[in-house]
Amino acid sequence: MKITFNGHSCFTLESNGKAVIIDPFLTGNPQAKIKPSDVKVDAVLVTHGHADHLGDAVEIAIANDVPIIAPFELVNYCMEKGAKGHPMHIGGGFTFPFGHVKLTIAFHGSTTDTGAVGSPCGFVVTMDRVSVYHAGDTALYSDMKLIAPVDCALLPIGDNFTMGIADAVKATRLIKPRVVIPMHYDTFELIEQDPMEFEAKLEDSSIEVRLMAPGHSTDI
């Protein structure tokens, strides 16, 4: 699987000619190297309704004629704006043409310009037997150990709104992925962090830490 980091918490996952984008906050994202019009995908996955995650999801879904995959209430909100949607909820999974998606718990909030839109979530996306856990915005919780095994974990380290570095290290040790990639940091002053500190705190583990610059890709 090819993973491209688009800044903040936005990633594109590609495998075997299929692609999905997660939390497509591009417009207004100072880290983003692409525009919504550049995105060509088979689905748009959104962890929750905050503007820095929902982002350009509706525009991208309409332009590509593909569904938004998200918790039920958030999908309904997006469908009211003209997008296609596939509603899901925590603990549920579904096999799509591009691969399998399962929703996990995320301890956070989920609001849009109209108010609350259900629960936030994380995603475990499996494409051609490679699994990636995108935690969304979440606090540390002990049941993360039940998400294992996954090949790659995408974890927030920005603190203030989500886990900080210390808790993200604990989360990594619970999940035990082959590779972990930090996200949701340095986009704004409130979440400035040193990802090399995160990497250093995992030096004693067998887990590979990959620090990705916006616009860069890696293979899992």
Protein backbone atom coordinates (compact mmCIF):
# COMPACT_ATOMS: atom_id res chain seq x y z
CA MET A 1 0.00 0.00 0.00
CA LYS A 2 1.17 3.51 -0.83
CA ILE A 3 0.43 6.08 1.88
CA THR A 4 0.65 9.79 1.09
CA PHE A 5 0.59 12.38 3.87
CA ASN A 6 -1.33 15.49 2.85
CA GLY A 7 -0.74 17.40 6.08
CA HIS A 8 -2.52 17.51 9.46
CA SER A 9 -4.55 14.24 9.59
CA CYS A 10 -5.17 13.83 5.87
CA PHE A 11 -3.79 10.74 4.14
CA THR A 12 -4.36 9.09 0.79
CA LEU A 13 -4.16 5.28 0.71
CA GLU A 14 -3.57 3.57 -2.65
CA SER A 15 -3.40 -0.09 -3.58
CA ASN A 16 -4.00 -2.11 -6.73
CA GLY A 17 -5.41 0.83 -8.68
CA LYS A 18 -7.81 1.94 -5.93
CA ALA A 19 -7.51 4.94 -3.63
CA VAL A 20 -9.24 6.54 -0.65
CA ILE A 21 -8.61 9.81 1.15
CA ILE A 22 -9.08 10.23 4.90
CA ASP A 23 -10.01 13.52 6.61
CA PRO A 24 -9.45 15.71 3.52
CA PHE A 25 -8.71 19.06 5.14
CA LEU A 26 -6.95 20.75 2.20
CA THR A 27 -8.48 24.21 1.75
CA GLY A 28 -7.11 26.37 4.55
CA ASN A 29 -4.56 23.75 5.59
CA PRO A 30 -1.15 25.47 5.63
CA GLN A 31 0.57 22.07 5.24
CA ALA A 32 -1.38 20.85 2.21
CA LYS A 33 0.48 20.46 -1.08
CA ILE A 34 -2.61 19.58 -3.15
CA LYS A 35 -6.00 21.14 -3.87
CA PRO A 36 -9.38 19.37 -3.69
CA SER A 37 -9.50 19.39 -7.49
CA ASP A 38 -6.29 17.31 -7.58
CA VAL A 39 -7.86 14.43 -5.66
CA LYS A 40 -8.93 11.29 -7.56
CA VAL A 41 -10.28 8.61 -5.24
CA ASP A 42 -12.82 5.80 -4.88
CA ALA A 43 -14.13 6.95 -1.48
CA VAL A 44 -13.76 9.70 1.10
CA LEU A 45 -13.44 8.66 4.75
CA VAL A 46 -14.15 11.18 7.52
CA THR A 47 -13.51 10.54 11.22
CA HIS A 48 -15.64 13.40 12.59
CA GLY A 49 -17.28 16.69 11.74
CA HIS A 50 -14.71 19.26 12.85
CA ALA A 51 -13.66 21.55 10.02
CA ASP A 52 -10.02 20.43 10.09
CA HIS A 53 -11.14 16.85 9.31
CA LEU A 54 -14.39 17.11 7.34
CA GLY A 55 -12.62 19.75 5.28
CA ASP A 56 -13.30 19.37 1.55
CA ALA A 57 -15.00 15.98 1.85
CA VAL A 58 -18.29 16.99 0.24
CA GLU A 59 -16.60 18.76 -2.69
CA ILE A 60 -14.26 15.82 -3.33
CA ALA A 61 -17.02 13.22 -3.06
CA ILE A 62 -19.25 15.10 -5.51
CA ALA A 63 -16.42 15.73 -7.99
CA ASN A 64 -15.40 12.04 -7.97
CA ASP A 65 -18.98 10.71 -7.74
CA VAL A 66 -17.97 8.53 -4.77
CA PRO A 67 -19.39 8.01 -1.28
CA ILE A 68 -18.39 9.60 1.98
CA ILE A 69 -17.84 6.85 4.55
CA ALA A 70 -18.34 8.06 8.11
CA PRO A 71 -20.56 7.60 11.18
CA PHE A 72 -24.28 7.63 10.38
CA GLU A 73 -25.09 11.14 11.55
CA LEU A 74 -22.17 12.75 9.74
CA VAL A 75 -23.01 10.94 6.51
CA ASN A 76 -26.57 12.25 6.74
CA TYR A 77 -25.18 15.79 7.09
CA CYS A 78 -23.00 15.31 4.00
CA MET A 79 -25.81 13.79 1.95
CA GLU A 80 -27.96 16.84 2.71
CA LYS A 81 -25.23 18.84 0.97
CA GLY A 82 -25.41 16.70 -2.16
CA ALA A 83 -22.78 14.02 -1.56
CA LYS A 84 -23.26 10.29 -1.81
CA GLY A 85 -22.77 8.46 1.45
CA HIS A 86 -22.29 5.09 3.07
CA PRO A 87 -23.25 5.37 6.76
CA MET A 88 -21.52 3.18 9.34
CA HIS A 89 -21.00 3.17 13.08
CA ILE A 90 -18.58 2.16 15.82
CA GLY A 91 -17.60 -1.51 15.68
CA GLY A 92 -19.14 -2.07 12.27
CA GLY A 93 -17.26 -3.14 9.17
CA PHE A 94 -18.02 -3.33 5.46
CA THR A 95 -16.23 -4.62 2.38
CA PHE A 96 -16.10 -2.10 -0.47
CA PRO A 97 -14.62 -2.58 -3.96
CA PHE A 98 -11.40 -0.92 -2.76
CA GLY A 99 -11.12 -2.93 0.48
CA HIS A 100 -12.53 -3.36 3.99
CA VAL A 101 -13.32 -0.57 6.46
CA LYS A 102 -14.02 -0.98 10.17
CA LEU A 103 -14.91 1.86 12.54
CA THR A 104 -13.22 2.10 15.94
CA ILE A 105 -13.80 4.17 19.03
CA ALA A 106 -12.33 7.66 19.23
CA PHE A 107 -12.70 9.76 22.38
CA HIS A 108 -13.27 13.27 21.05
CA GLY A 109 -16.20 15.34 19.74
CA SER A 110 -17.95 15.76 16.40
CA THR A 111 -19.66 19.00 15.40
CA THR A 112 -20.26 20.93 12.20
CA ASP A 113 -21.66 24.39 11.51
CA THR A 114 -25.10 22.99 12.41
CA GLY A 115 -24.08 21.40 15.71
CA ALA A 116 -23.39 17.87 16.88
CA VAL A 117 -23.26 15.10 14.25
CA GLY A 118 -22.95 11.89 16.24
CA SER A 119 -19.81 10.19 17.49
CA PRO A 120 -16.24 10.53 16.22
CA CYS A 121 -14.43 7.43 15.05
CA GLY A 122 -11.18 5.93 13.87
CA PHE A 123 -10.79 3.63 10.86
CA VAL A 124 -9.05 0.36 10.18
CA VAL A 125 -8.69 0.22 6.39
CA THR A 126 -7.52 -3.02 4.78
CA MET A 127 -6.53 -3.05 1.12
CA ASP A 128 -4.95 -6.17 -0.40
CA ARG A 129 -4.21 -7.62 3.05
CA VAL A 130 -2.40 -4.49 4.28
CA SER A 131 -4.14 -2.83 7.24
CA VAL A 132 -3.86 0.80 8.35
CA TYR A 133 -5.36 2.21 11.55
CA HIS A 134 -6.19 5.93 11.34
CA ALA A 135 -7.00 6.93 14.91
CA GLY A 136 -8.74 10.19 14.06
CA ASP A 137 -8.71 12.69 16.91
CA THR A 138 -8.65 10.71 20.13
CA ALA A 139 -7.40 10.43 23.66
CA LEU A 140 -5.45 7.39 24.77
CA TYR A 141 -7.64 4.46 25.85
CA SER A 142 -6.63 0.99 26.98
CA ASP A 143 -8.84 -0.86 24.50
CA MET A 144 -6.55 0.28 21.72
CA LYS A 145 -4.83 -3.05 22.37
CA LEU A 146 -7.89 -4.73 20.80
CA ILE A 147 -7.19 -2.98 17.47
CA ALA A 148 -4.03 -5.06 17.00
CA PRO A 149 -2.73 -6.43 14.76
CA VAL A 150 -2.37 -3.76 12.08
CA ASP A 151 0.50 -3.08 9.71
CA CYS A 152 0.53 0.68 10.20
CA ALA A 153 -0.92 3.11 12.75
CA LEU A 154 -1.50 6.81 12.08
CA LEU A 155 -1.63 8.49 15.50
CA PRO A 156 -2.12 12.11 16.61
CA ILE A 157 0.66 13.58 18.76
CA GLY A 158 -0.33 17.26 18.86
CA ASP A 159 -1.69 17.35 22.44
CA ASN A 160 -4.24 19.98 23.57
CA PHE A 161 -7.07 18.52 21.41
CA THR A 162 -5.78 14.91 21.20
CA MET A 163 -3.13 12.64 22.61
CA GLY A 164 0.26 14.23 23.12
CA ILE A 165 3.56 12.49 22.57
CA ALA A 166 3.64 10.58 25.88
CA ASP A 167 0.15 9.12 25.38
CA ALA A 168 0.78 8.42 21.68
CA VAL A 169 3.84 6.38 22.70
CA LYS A 170 1.65 4.38 25.09
CA ALA A 171 -0.93 3.92 22.32
CA THR A 172 1.76 2.65 19.96
CA ARG A 173 2.88 0.07 22.50
CA LEU A 174 -0.73 -1.09 22.96
CA ILE A 175 -1.42 -1.40 19.21
CA LYS A 176 1.97 -2.88 18.27
CA PRO A 177 1.92 -1.95 14.54
CA ARG A 178 4.85 -2.73 12.27
CA VAL A 179 5.02 0.98 11.41
CA VAL A 180 3.70 4.07 13.18
CA ILE A 181 3.35 7.51 11.58
CA PRO A 182 2.60 10.57 13.75
CA MET A 183 0.02 13.10 12.57
CA HIS A 184 -2.08 16.06 13.78
CA TYR A 185 0.84 18.26 14.86
CA ASP A 186 2.49 21.54 13.79
CA THR A 187 -0.48 22.65 11.68
CA PHE A 188 -1.30 25.37 14.21
CA GLU A 189 0.59 26.91 17.12
CA LEU A 190 -1.53 25.10 19.72
CA ILE A 191 -0.40 21.69 18.48
CA GLU A 192 3.27 22.30 17.77
CA GLN A 193 5.32 19.23 18.73
CA ASP A 194 8.71 17.68 17.99
CA PRO A 195 8.08 14.37 16.19
CA MET A 196 11.68 13.36 16.78
CA GLU A 197 10.87 13.17 20.49
CA PHE A 198 8.10 10.70 19.65
CA GLU A 199 10.56 8.69 17.58
CA ALA A 200 13.17 8.70 20.34
CA LYS A 201 10.71 7.42 22.94
CA LEU A 202 10.10 4.32 20.80
CA GLU A 203 13.74 3.52 20.08
CA ASP A 204 13.63 0.61 22.52
CA SER A 205 10.78 -1.08 20.61
CA SER A 206 10.75 -3.09 17.40
CA ILE A 207 8.18 -0.69 15.92
CA GLU A 208 9.40 1.44 13.01
CA VAL A 209 8.62 5.15 13.34
CA ARG A 210 8.30 6.98 10.02
CA LEU A 211 8.22 10.77 10.12
CA MET A 212 6.51 12.09 7.00
CA ALA A 213 6.64 15.57 5.54
CA PRO A 214 3.44 16.81 3.87
CA GLY A 215 3.33 15.74 0.25
CA HIS A 216 5.57 12.73 0.77
CA SER A 217 4.62 9.07 0.29
CA THR A 218 5.76 5.76 1.76
CA ASP A 219 5.04 2.11 1.02
CA ILE A 220 3.78 -0.33 3.65
